[in-house]
Amino acid sequence: MSGTLRVLPLGGLGEIGKNMTVVEYDGAIVVVDTGLMFPTPEQLGIDLVLPDFSYLRERAGDIEAIVLTHGHEDHVGALPYVLREIGGAGYPPVFGGPLTVAMVRSKLDEHRLRDVPLQAVDAGERFDAGPFEVETIRLAHSIPDSRAVAMTCELGTTLVTGDYKFDQTPVDGPPADVSRLAELGRAGILLLCGDSTNADRPGFSPSEREVGPQLE
């Protein structure tokens, strides 16, 4: 084994919004999420806050894939702006769950970016991206079709969870694939990048199924 695995959070680390992580090995890059953040009250005249992805402008040709964990704006909202900046020599393929890809396709159409290769992948499906084998794993969140992303290179596996909680009765059906997470844990994880808002607070979050009856 040789080389160094680099993990660069371009946004989202220690903040809510602008989620964007670069995983790089052997000169190849996989980008997990391309989120934005909405302005705070003191940011007058600003519509959207984007992550600083200048690093990707210089490395556009090395991007093997963009993988999206779920369809919330803080994880996919910056995608049109990122693609416009890095797509000079052709767009990298964009992967995500079926709902996420459908939401992103509508967003790209609004920005007249219609030649982007979008690919919906089922949970558990694996695909190659340069030196990485990428697998998406079903998780639960407040939006259906949420996934963790496991990227395996010769050094080991990096797992980026995206937003998640362990909801046993999620609105979109099956709960998080805990058995697959356990298998990865037994095999050994090189790096775990977990993202669960308020996970450091005591107690638990109720199921999303409780929202509907309350609204009614």
C-alpha atoms as a PDB file:
ATOM      1  CA  MET A   1       0.000   0.000   0.000  1.00  0.00           C
ATOM      2  CA  SER A   2       1.166   3.502  -0.763  1.00  0.00           C
ATOM      3  CA  GLY A   3      -0.155   7.002  -0.890  1.00  0.00           C
ATOM      4  CA  THR A   4      -2.085   9.181   1.495  1.00  0.00           C
ATOM      5  CA  LEU A   5      -5.830   9.485   1.980  1.00  0.00           C
ATOM      6  CA  ARG A   6      -6.891  13.111   2.301  1.00  0.00           C
ATOM      7  CA  VAL A   7     -10.271  14.174   3.645  1.00  0.00           C
ATOM      8  CA  LEU A   8     -11.036  17.866   3.198  1.00  0.00           C
ATOM      9  CA  PRO A   9     -14.256  19.330   4.630  1.00  0.00           C
ATOM     10  CA  LEU A  10     -14.964  22.320   2.381  1.00  0.00           C
ATOM     11  CA  GLY A  11     -18.034  23.130   4.467  1.00  0.00           C
ATOM     12  CA  GLY A  12     -20.336  21.666   7.083  1.00  0.00           C
ATOM     13  CA  LEU A  13     -17.726  20.861   9.711  1.00  0.00           C
ATOM     14  CA  GLY A  14     -18.812  22.449  12.976  1.00  0.00           C
ATOM     15  CA  GLU A  15     -21.693  24.279  11.306  1.00  0.00           C
ATOM     16  CA  ILE A  16     -25.168  23.538   9.991  1.00  0.00           C
ATOM     17  CA  GLY A  17     -25.123  24.069   6.236  1.00  0.00           C
ATOM     18  CA  LYS A  18     -22.667  24.048   3.326  1.00  0.00           C
ATOM     19  CA  ASN A  19     -22.025  20.321   3.718  1.00  0.00           C
ATOM     20  CA  MET A  20     -19.298  19.326   1.286  1.00  0.00           C
ATOM     21  CA  THR A  21     -16.478  16.826   1.798  1.00  0.00           C
ATOM     22  CA  VAL A  22     -13.624  15.886  -0.530  1.00  0.00           C
ATOM     23  CA  VAL A  23     -12.134  12.399  -0.226  1.00  0.00           C
ATOM     24  CA  GLU A  24      -8.919  12.060  -2.210  1.00  0.00           C
ATOM     25  CA  TYR A  25      -6.545   9.184  -2.867  1.00  0.00           C
ATOM     26  CA  ASP A  26      -3.944   8.478  -5.539  1.00  0.00           C
ATOM     27  CA  GLY A  27      -4.764  11.731  -7.331  1.00  0.00           C
ATOM     28  CA  ALA A  28      -8.477  10.936  -7.615  1.00  0.00           C
ATOM     29  CA  ILE A  29     -11.312  12.782  -5.866  1.00  0.00           C
ATOM     30  CA  VAL A  30     -14.795  11.801  -4.732  1.00  0.00           C
ATOM     31  CA  VAL A  31     -16.974  14.676  -3.501  1.00  0.00           C
ATOM     32  CA  VAL A  32     -19.683  13.844  -0.955  1.00  0.00           C
ATOM     33  CA  ASP A  33     -22.518  16.402  -0.992  1.00  0.00           C
ATOM     34  CA  THR A  34     -22.558  19.939  -2.364  1.00  0.00           C
ATOM     35  CA  GLY A  35     -24.653  21.919   0.090  1.00  0.00           C
ATOM     36  CA  LEU A  36     -25.355  25.577   0.721  1.00  0.00           C
ATOM     37  CA  MET A  37     -26.427  27.633   3.705  1.00  0.00           C
ATOM     38  CA  PHE A  38     -29.121  30.274   3.954  1.00  0.00           C
ATOM     39  CA  PRO A  39     -27.982  33.698   5.160  1.00  0.00           C
ATOM     40  CA  THR A  40     -28.230  34.796   8.763  1.00  0.00           C
ATOM     41  CA  PRO A  41     -30.244  37.954   9.592  1.00  0.00           C
ATOM     42  CA  GLU A  42     -27.134  40.153   9.595  1.00  0.00           C
ATOM     43  CA  GLN A  43     -26.130  39.060   6.078  1.00  0.00           C
ATOM     44  CA  LEU A  44     -28.253  41.662   4.337  1.00  0.00           C
ATOM     45  CA  GLY A  45     -28.452  41.442   0.537  1.00  0.00           C
ATOM     46  CA  ILE A  46     -27.092  37.882   0.443  1.00  0.00           C
ATOM     47  CA  ASP A  47     -29.357  35.192  -0.978  1.00  0.00           C
ATOM     48  CA  LEU A  48     -27.243  32.058  -0.533  1.00  0.00           C
ATOM     49  CA  VAL A  49     -23.983  31.114   1.180  1.00  0.00           C
ATOM     50  CA  LEU A  50     -21.840  28.614  -0.733  1.00  0.00           C
ATOM     51  CA  PRO A  51     -18.880  26.552   0.487  1.00  0.00           C
ATOM     52  CA  ASP A  52     -15.415  27.603  -0.644  1.00  0.00           C
ATOM     53  CA  PHE A  53     -14.791  25.074  -3.409  1.00  0.00           C
ATOM     54  CA  SER A  54     -11.880  26.900  -5.060  1.00  0.00           C
ATOM     55  CA  TYR A  55      -9.794  23.747  -4.457  1.00  0.00           C
ATOM     56  CA  LEU A  56     -12.054  21.883  -6.873  1.00  0.00           C
ATOM     57  CA  ARG A  57     -11.676  24.488  -9.601  1.00  0.00           C
ATOM     58  CA  GLU A  58      -7.972  23.637  -9.712  1.00  0.00           C
ATOM     59  CA  ARG A  59      -8.612  19.872  -9.597  1.00  0.00           C
ATOM     60  CA  ALA A  60     -11.723  19.581 -11.770  1.00  0.00           C
ATOM     61  CA  GLY A  61     -10.179  16.920 -14.003  1.00  0.00           C
ATOM     62  CA  ASP A  62      -9.453  14.686 -11.006  1.00  0.00           C
ATOM     63  CA  ILE A  63     -13.057  14.460  -9.781  1.00  0.00           C
ATOM     64  CA  GLU A  64     -14.243  10.902 -10.367  1.00  0.00           C
ATOM     65  CA  ALA A  65     -17.736  11.309  -8.868  1.00  0.00           C
ATOM     66  CA  ILE A  66     -20.044  13.479  -6.802  1.00  0.00           C
ATOM     67  CA  VAL A  67     -22.154  11.438  -4.373  1.00  0.00           C
ATOM     68  CA  LEU A  68     -25.202  12.965  -2.665  1.00  0.00           C
ATOM     69  CA  THR A  69     -26.461  11.626   0.666  1.00  0.00           C
ATOM     70  CA  HIS A  70     -29.980  13.130   0.542  1.00  0.00           C
ATOM     71  CA  GLY A  71     -32.036  15.912  -0.984  1.00  0.00           C
ATOM     72  CA  HIS A  72     -31.909  18.700   1.613  1.00  0.00           C
ATOM     73  CA  GLU A  73     -30.588  22.051   0.386  1.00  0.00           C
ATOM     74  CA  ASP A  74     -27.721  22.062   2.870  1.00  0.00           C
ATOM     75  CA  HIS A  75     -26.445  18.927   1.098  1.00  0.00           C
ATOM     76  CA  VAL A  76     -27.372  19.452  -2.584  1.00  0.00           C
ATOM     77  CA  GLY A  77     -28.207  23.158  -3.016  1.00  0.00           C
ATOM     78  CA  ALA A  78     -24.781  24.243  -4.269  1.00  0.00           C
ATOM     79  CA  LEU A  79     -24.557  21.562  -6.967  1.00  0.00           C
ATOM     80  CA  PRO A  80     -25.487  23.831  -9.921  1.00  0.00           C
ATOM     81  CA  TYR A  81     -22.926  26.432  -8.851  1.00  0.00           C
ATOM     82  CA  VAL A  82     -20.206  23.821  -8.370  1.00  0.00           C
ATOM     83  CA  LEU A  83     -20.877  22.156 -11.719  1.00  0.00           C
ATOM     84  CA  ARG A  84     -20.871  25.475 -13.535  1.00  0.00           C
ATOM     85  CA  GLU A  85     -17.374  26.177 -12.180  1.00  0.00           C
ATOM     86  CA  ILE A  86     -15.799  22.747 -12.744  1.00  0.00           C
ATOM     87  CA  GLY A  87     -17.609  21.528 -15.850  1.00  0.00           C
ATOM     88  CA  GLY A  88     -15.388  23.123 -18.480  1.00  0.00           C
ATOM     89  CA  ALA A  89     -13.897  19.792 -19.566  1.00  0.00           C
ATOM     90  CA  GLY A  90     -17.092  17.822 -18.960  1.00  0.00           C
ATOM     91  CA  TYR A  91     -19.166  17.129 -15.890  1.00  0.00           C
ATOM     92  CA  PRO A  92     -18.301  14.372 -13.421  1.00  0.00           C
ATOM     93  CA  PRO A  93     -21.043  11.787 -12.815  1.00  0.00           C
ATOM     94  CA  VAL A  94     -23.437  12.584  -9.964  1.00  0.00           C
ATOM     95  CA  PHE A  95     -24.813   9.681  -7.908  1.00  0.00           C
ATOM     96  CA  GLY A  96     -27.627   9.533  -5.358  1.00  0.00           C
ATOM     97  CA  GLY A  97     -30.802   7.746  -4.391  1.00  0.00           C
ATOM     98  CA  PRO A  98     -33.752   7.922  -6.825  1.00  0.00           C
ATOM     99  CA  LEU A  99     -35.594  10.691  -4.946  1.00  0.00           C
ATOM    100  CA  THR A 100     -32.415  12.708  -4.459  1.00  0.00           C
ATOM    101  CA  VAL A 101     -31.507  12.440  -8.134  1.00  0.00           C
ATOM    102  CA  ALA A 102     -35.037  13.466  -9.181  1.00  0.00           C
ATOM    103  CA  MET A 103     -34.866  16.553  -6.960  1.00  0.00           C
ATOM    104  CA  VAL A 104     -31.423  17.435  -8.285  1.00  0.00           C
ATOM    105  CA  ARG A 105     -32.487  16.952 -11.902  1.00  0.00           C
ATOM    106  CA  SER A 106     -35.244  19.533 -11.445  1.00  0.00           C
ATOM    107  CA  LYS A 107     -32.750  21.933  -9.865  1.00  0.00           C
ATOM    108  CA  LEU A 108     -30.244  21.516 -12.695  1.00  0.00           C
ATOM    109  CA  ASP A 109     -32.984  22.074 -15.282  1.00  0.00           C
ATOM    110  CA  GLU A 110     -33.726  25.426 -13.650  1.00  0.00           C
ATOM    111  CA  HIS A 111     -30.076  26.356 -14.127  1.00  0.00           C
ATOM    112  CA  ARG A 112     -30.068  25.008 -17.717  1.00  0.00           C
ATOM    113  CA  LEU A 113     -27.508  22.346 -16.885  1.00  0.00           C
ATOM    114  CA  ARG A 114     -28.994  19.460 -18.842  1.00  0.00           C
ATOM    115  CA  ASP A 115     -25.897  17.481 -19.841  1.00  0.00           C
ATOM    116  CA  VAL A 116     -24.889  16.417 -16.341  1.00  0.00           C
ATOM    117  CA  PRO A 117     -24.670  12.595 -16.036  1.00  0.00           C
ATOM    118  CA  LEU A 118     -27.049  11.805 -13.164  1.00  0.00           C
ATOM    119  CA  GLN A 119     -27.243   8.231 -11.937  1.00  0.00           C
ATOM    120  CA  ALA A 120     -29.726   6.896  -9.386  1.00  0.00           C
ATOM    121  CA  VAL A 121     -28.325   4.037  -7.310  1.00  0.00           C
ATOM    122  CA  ASP A 122     -30.193   1.766  -4.945  1.00  0.00           C
ATOM    123  CA  ALA A 123     -29.104   1.394  -1.331  1.00  0.00           C
ATOM    124  CA  GLY A 124     -26.454  -1.297  -1.175  1.00  0.00           C
ATOM    125  CA  GLU A 125     -25.427  -0.843  -4.784  1.00  0.00           C
ATOM    126  CA  ARG A 126     -21.694  -0.464  -5.405  1.00  0.00           C
ATOM    127  CA  PHE A 127     -19.811   1.319  -8.154  1.00  0.00           C
ATOM    128  CA  ASP A 128     -16.222   2.279  -8.909  1.00  0.00           C
ATOM    129  CA  ALA A 129     -14.908   5.846  -8.844  1.00  0.00           C
ATOM    130  CA  GLY A 130     -11.214   5.867  -9.674  1.00  0.00           C
ATOM    131  CA  PRO A 131      -9.365   3.991  -6.899  1.00  0.00           C
ATOM    132  CA  PHE A 132     -12.497   3.891  -4.728  1.00  0.00           C
ATOM    133  CA  GLU A 133     -15.261   1.333  -4.506  1.00  0.00           C
ATOM    134  CA  VAL A 134     -18.301   3.341  -3.415  1.00  0.00           C
ATOM    135  CA  GLU A 135     -21.329   1.916  -1.632  1.00  0.00           C
ATOM    136  CA  THR A 136     -24.432   3.754  -0.403  1.00  0.00           C
ATOM    137  CA  ILE A 137     -26.156   2.487   2.744  1.00  0.00           C
ATOM    138  CA  ARG A 138     -29.740   3.152   3.773  1.00  0.00           C
ATOM    139  CA  LEU A 139     -30.167   5.476   6.748  1.00  0.00           C
ATOM    140  CA  ALA A 140     -33.156   7.323   8.219  1.00  0.00           C
ATOM    141  CA  HIS A 141     -33.585  11.095   8.306  1.00  0.00           C
ATOM    142  CA  SER A 142     -36.387  13.654   8.072  1.00  0.00           C
ATOM    143  CA  ILE A 143     -36.418  13.221   4.284  1.00  0.00           C
ATOM    144  CA  PRO A 144     -36.819   9.876   2.487  1.00  0.00           C
ATOM    145  CA  ASP A 145     -34.011   8.209   0.556  1.00  0.00           C
ATOM    146  CA  SER A 146     -31.132   9.161   2.856  1.00  0.00           C
ATOM    147  CA  ARG A 147     -27.834   7.317   2.514  1.00  0.00           C
ATOM    148  CA  ALA A 148     -24.425   6.955   4.073  1.00  0.00           C
ATOM    149  CA  VAL A 149     -21.493   6.726   1.666  1.00  0.00           C
ATOM    150  CA  ALA A 150     -18.718   4.158   2.165  1.00  0.00           C
ATOM    151  CA  MET A 151     -15.611   4.725   0.037  1.00  0.00           C
ATOM    152  CA  THR A 152     -13.041   1.943   0.056  1.00  0.00           C
ATOM    153  CA  CYS A 153      -9.526   2.252  -1.316  1.00  0.00           C
ATOM    154  CA  GLU A 154      -6.480   0.075  -0.657  1.00  0.00           C
ATOM    155  CA  LEU A 155      -5.871   1.863   2.657  1.00  0.00           C
ATOM    156  CA  GLY A 156      -9.330   1.072   4.037  1.00  0.00           C
ATOM    157  CA  THR A 157     -12.894   2.379   4.186  1.00  0.00           C
ATOM    158  CA  THR A 158     -14.027   5.930   4.858  1.00  0.00           C
ATOM    159  CA  LEU A 159     -17.672   6.212   5.914  1.00  0.00           C
ATOM    160  CA  VAL A 160     -19.502   9.539   5.575  1.00  0.00           C
ATOM    161  CA  THR A 161     -22.924   9.189   7.164  1.00  0.00           C
ATOM    162  CA  GLY A 162     -24.679  12.315   5.933  1.00  0.00           C
ATOM    163  CA  ASP A 163     -27.487  13.382   8.271  1.00  0.00           C
ATOM    164  CA  TYR A 164     -29.083  10.482  10.107  1.00  0.00           C
ATOM    165  CA  LYS A 165     -31.025   9.253  13.082  1.00  0.00           C
ATOM    166  CA  PHE A 166     -32.097   5.742  14.057  1.00  0.00           C
ATOM    167  CA  ASP A 167     -35.828   5.986  13.372  1.00  0.00           C
ATOM    168  CA  GLN A 168     -37.401   2.527  13.614  1.00  0.00           C
ATOM    169  CA  THR A 169     -40.549   3.582  11.721  1.00  0.00           C
ATOM    170  CA  PRO A 170     -39.402   5.978   8.987  1.00  0.00           C
ATOM    171  CA  VAL A 171     -42.005   7.346   6.602  1.00  0.00           C
ATOM    172  CA  ASP A 172     -40.316   5.828   3.541  1.00  0.00           C
ATOM    173  CA  GLY A 173     -40.443   2.251   4.817  1.00  0.00           C
ATOM    174  CA  PRO A 174     -37.425   0.191   5.896  1.00  0.00           C
ATOM    175  CA  PRO A 175     -35.309   1.591   8.742  1.00  0.00           C
ATOM    176  CA  ALA A 176     -31.560   2.205   8.634  1.00  0.00           C
ATOM    177  CA  ASP A 177     -29.505  -0.763   7.482  1.00  0.00           C
ATOM    178  CA  VAL A 178     -27.899  -1.349  10.872  1.00  0.00           C
ATOM    179  CA  SER A 179     -26.736  -4.831   9.878  1.00  0.00           C
ATOM    180  CA  ARG A 180     -24.647  -3.434   7.022  1.00  0.00           C
ATOM    181  CA  LEU A 181     -23.190  -0.781   9.317  1.00  0.00           C
ATOM    182  CA  ALA A 182     -22.275  -3.563  11.744  1.00  0.00           C
ATOM    183  CA  GLU A 183     -20.599  -5.542   8.966  1.00  0.00           C
ATOM    184  CA  LEU A 184     -18.495  -2.525   8.037  1.00  0.00           C
ATOM    185  CA  GLY A 185     -17.628  -2.007  11.681  1.00  0.00           C
ATOM    186  CA  ARG A 186     -16.507  -5.598  12.108  1.00  0.00           C
ATOM    187  CA  ALA A 187     -14.375  -5.381   8.980  1.00  0.00           C
ATOM    188  CA  GLY A 188     -12.813  -2.174  10.311  1.00  0.00           C
ATOM    189  CA  ILE A 189     -13.377   1.449   9.371  1.00  0.00           C
ATOM    190  CA  LEU A 190     -10.386   3.653   8.583  1.00  0.00           C
ATOM    191  CA  LEU A 191     -12.345   6.876   9.201  1.00  0.00           C
ATOM    192  CA  LEU A 192     -15.906   7.614  10.317  1.00  0.00           C
ATOM    193  CA  CYS A 193     -17.358  11.042   9.530  1.00  0.00           C
ATOM    194  CA  GLY A 194     -20.665  11.151  11.425  1.00  0.00           C
ATOM    195  CA  ASP A 195     -23.287  13.888  11.167  1.00  0.00           C
ATOM    196  CA  SER A 196     -26.265  13.771  13.524  1.00  0.00           C
ATOM    197  CA  THR A 197     -27.453  17.168  14.724  1.00  0.00           C
ATOM    198  CA  ASN A 198     -27.879  17.443  18.512  1.00  0.00           C
ATOM    199  CA  ALA A 199     -26.469  13.935  19.033  1.00  0.00           C
ATOM    200  CA  ASP A 200     -24.612  15.317  22.045  1.00  0.00           C
ATOM    201  CA  ARG A 201     -27.892  16.219  23.783  1.00  0.00           C
ATOM    202  CA  PRO A 202     -29.542  13.679  26.121  1.00  0.00           C
ATOM    203  CA  GLY A 203     -32.781  11.975  25.086  1.00  0.00           C
ATOM    204  CA  PHE A 204     -33.984  10.853  21.679  1.00  0.00           C
ATOM    205  CA  SER A 205     -35.839  12.227  18.668  1.00  0.00           C
ATOM    206  CA  PRO A 206     -39.374  10.977  17.974  1.00  0.00           C
ATOM    207  CA  SER A 207     -40.204   9.244  14.715  1.00  0.00           C
ATOM    208  CA  GLU A 208     -41.084  11.354  11.694  1.00  0.00           C
ATOM    209  CA  ARG A 209     -44.377   9.427  11.621  1.00  0.00           C
ATOM    210  CA  GLU A 210     -45.552  11.568  14.538  1.00  0.00           C
ATOM    211  CA  VAL A 211     -45.425  14.734  12.424  1.00  0.00           C
ATOM    212  CA  GLY A 212     -48.435  13.949  10.199  1.00  0.00           C
ATOM    213  CA  PRO A 213     -51.006  13.403  12.972  1.00  0.00           C
ATOM    214  CA  GLN A 214     -49.825  16.560  14.724  1.00  0.00           C
ATOM    215  CA  LEU A 215     -50.326  18.586  11.539  1.00  0.00           C
ATOM    216  CA  GLU A 216     -53.791  17.110  11.064  1.00  0.00           C
END
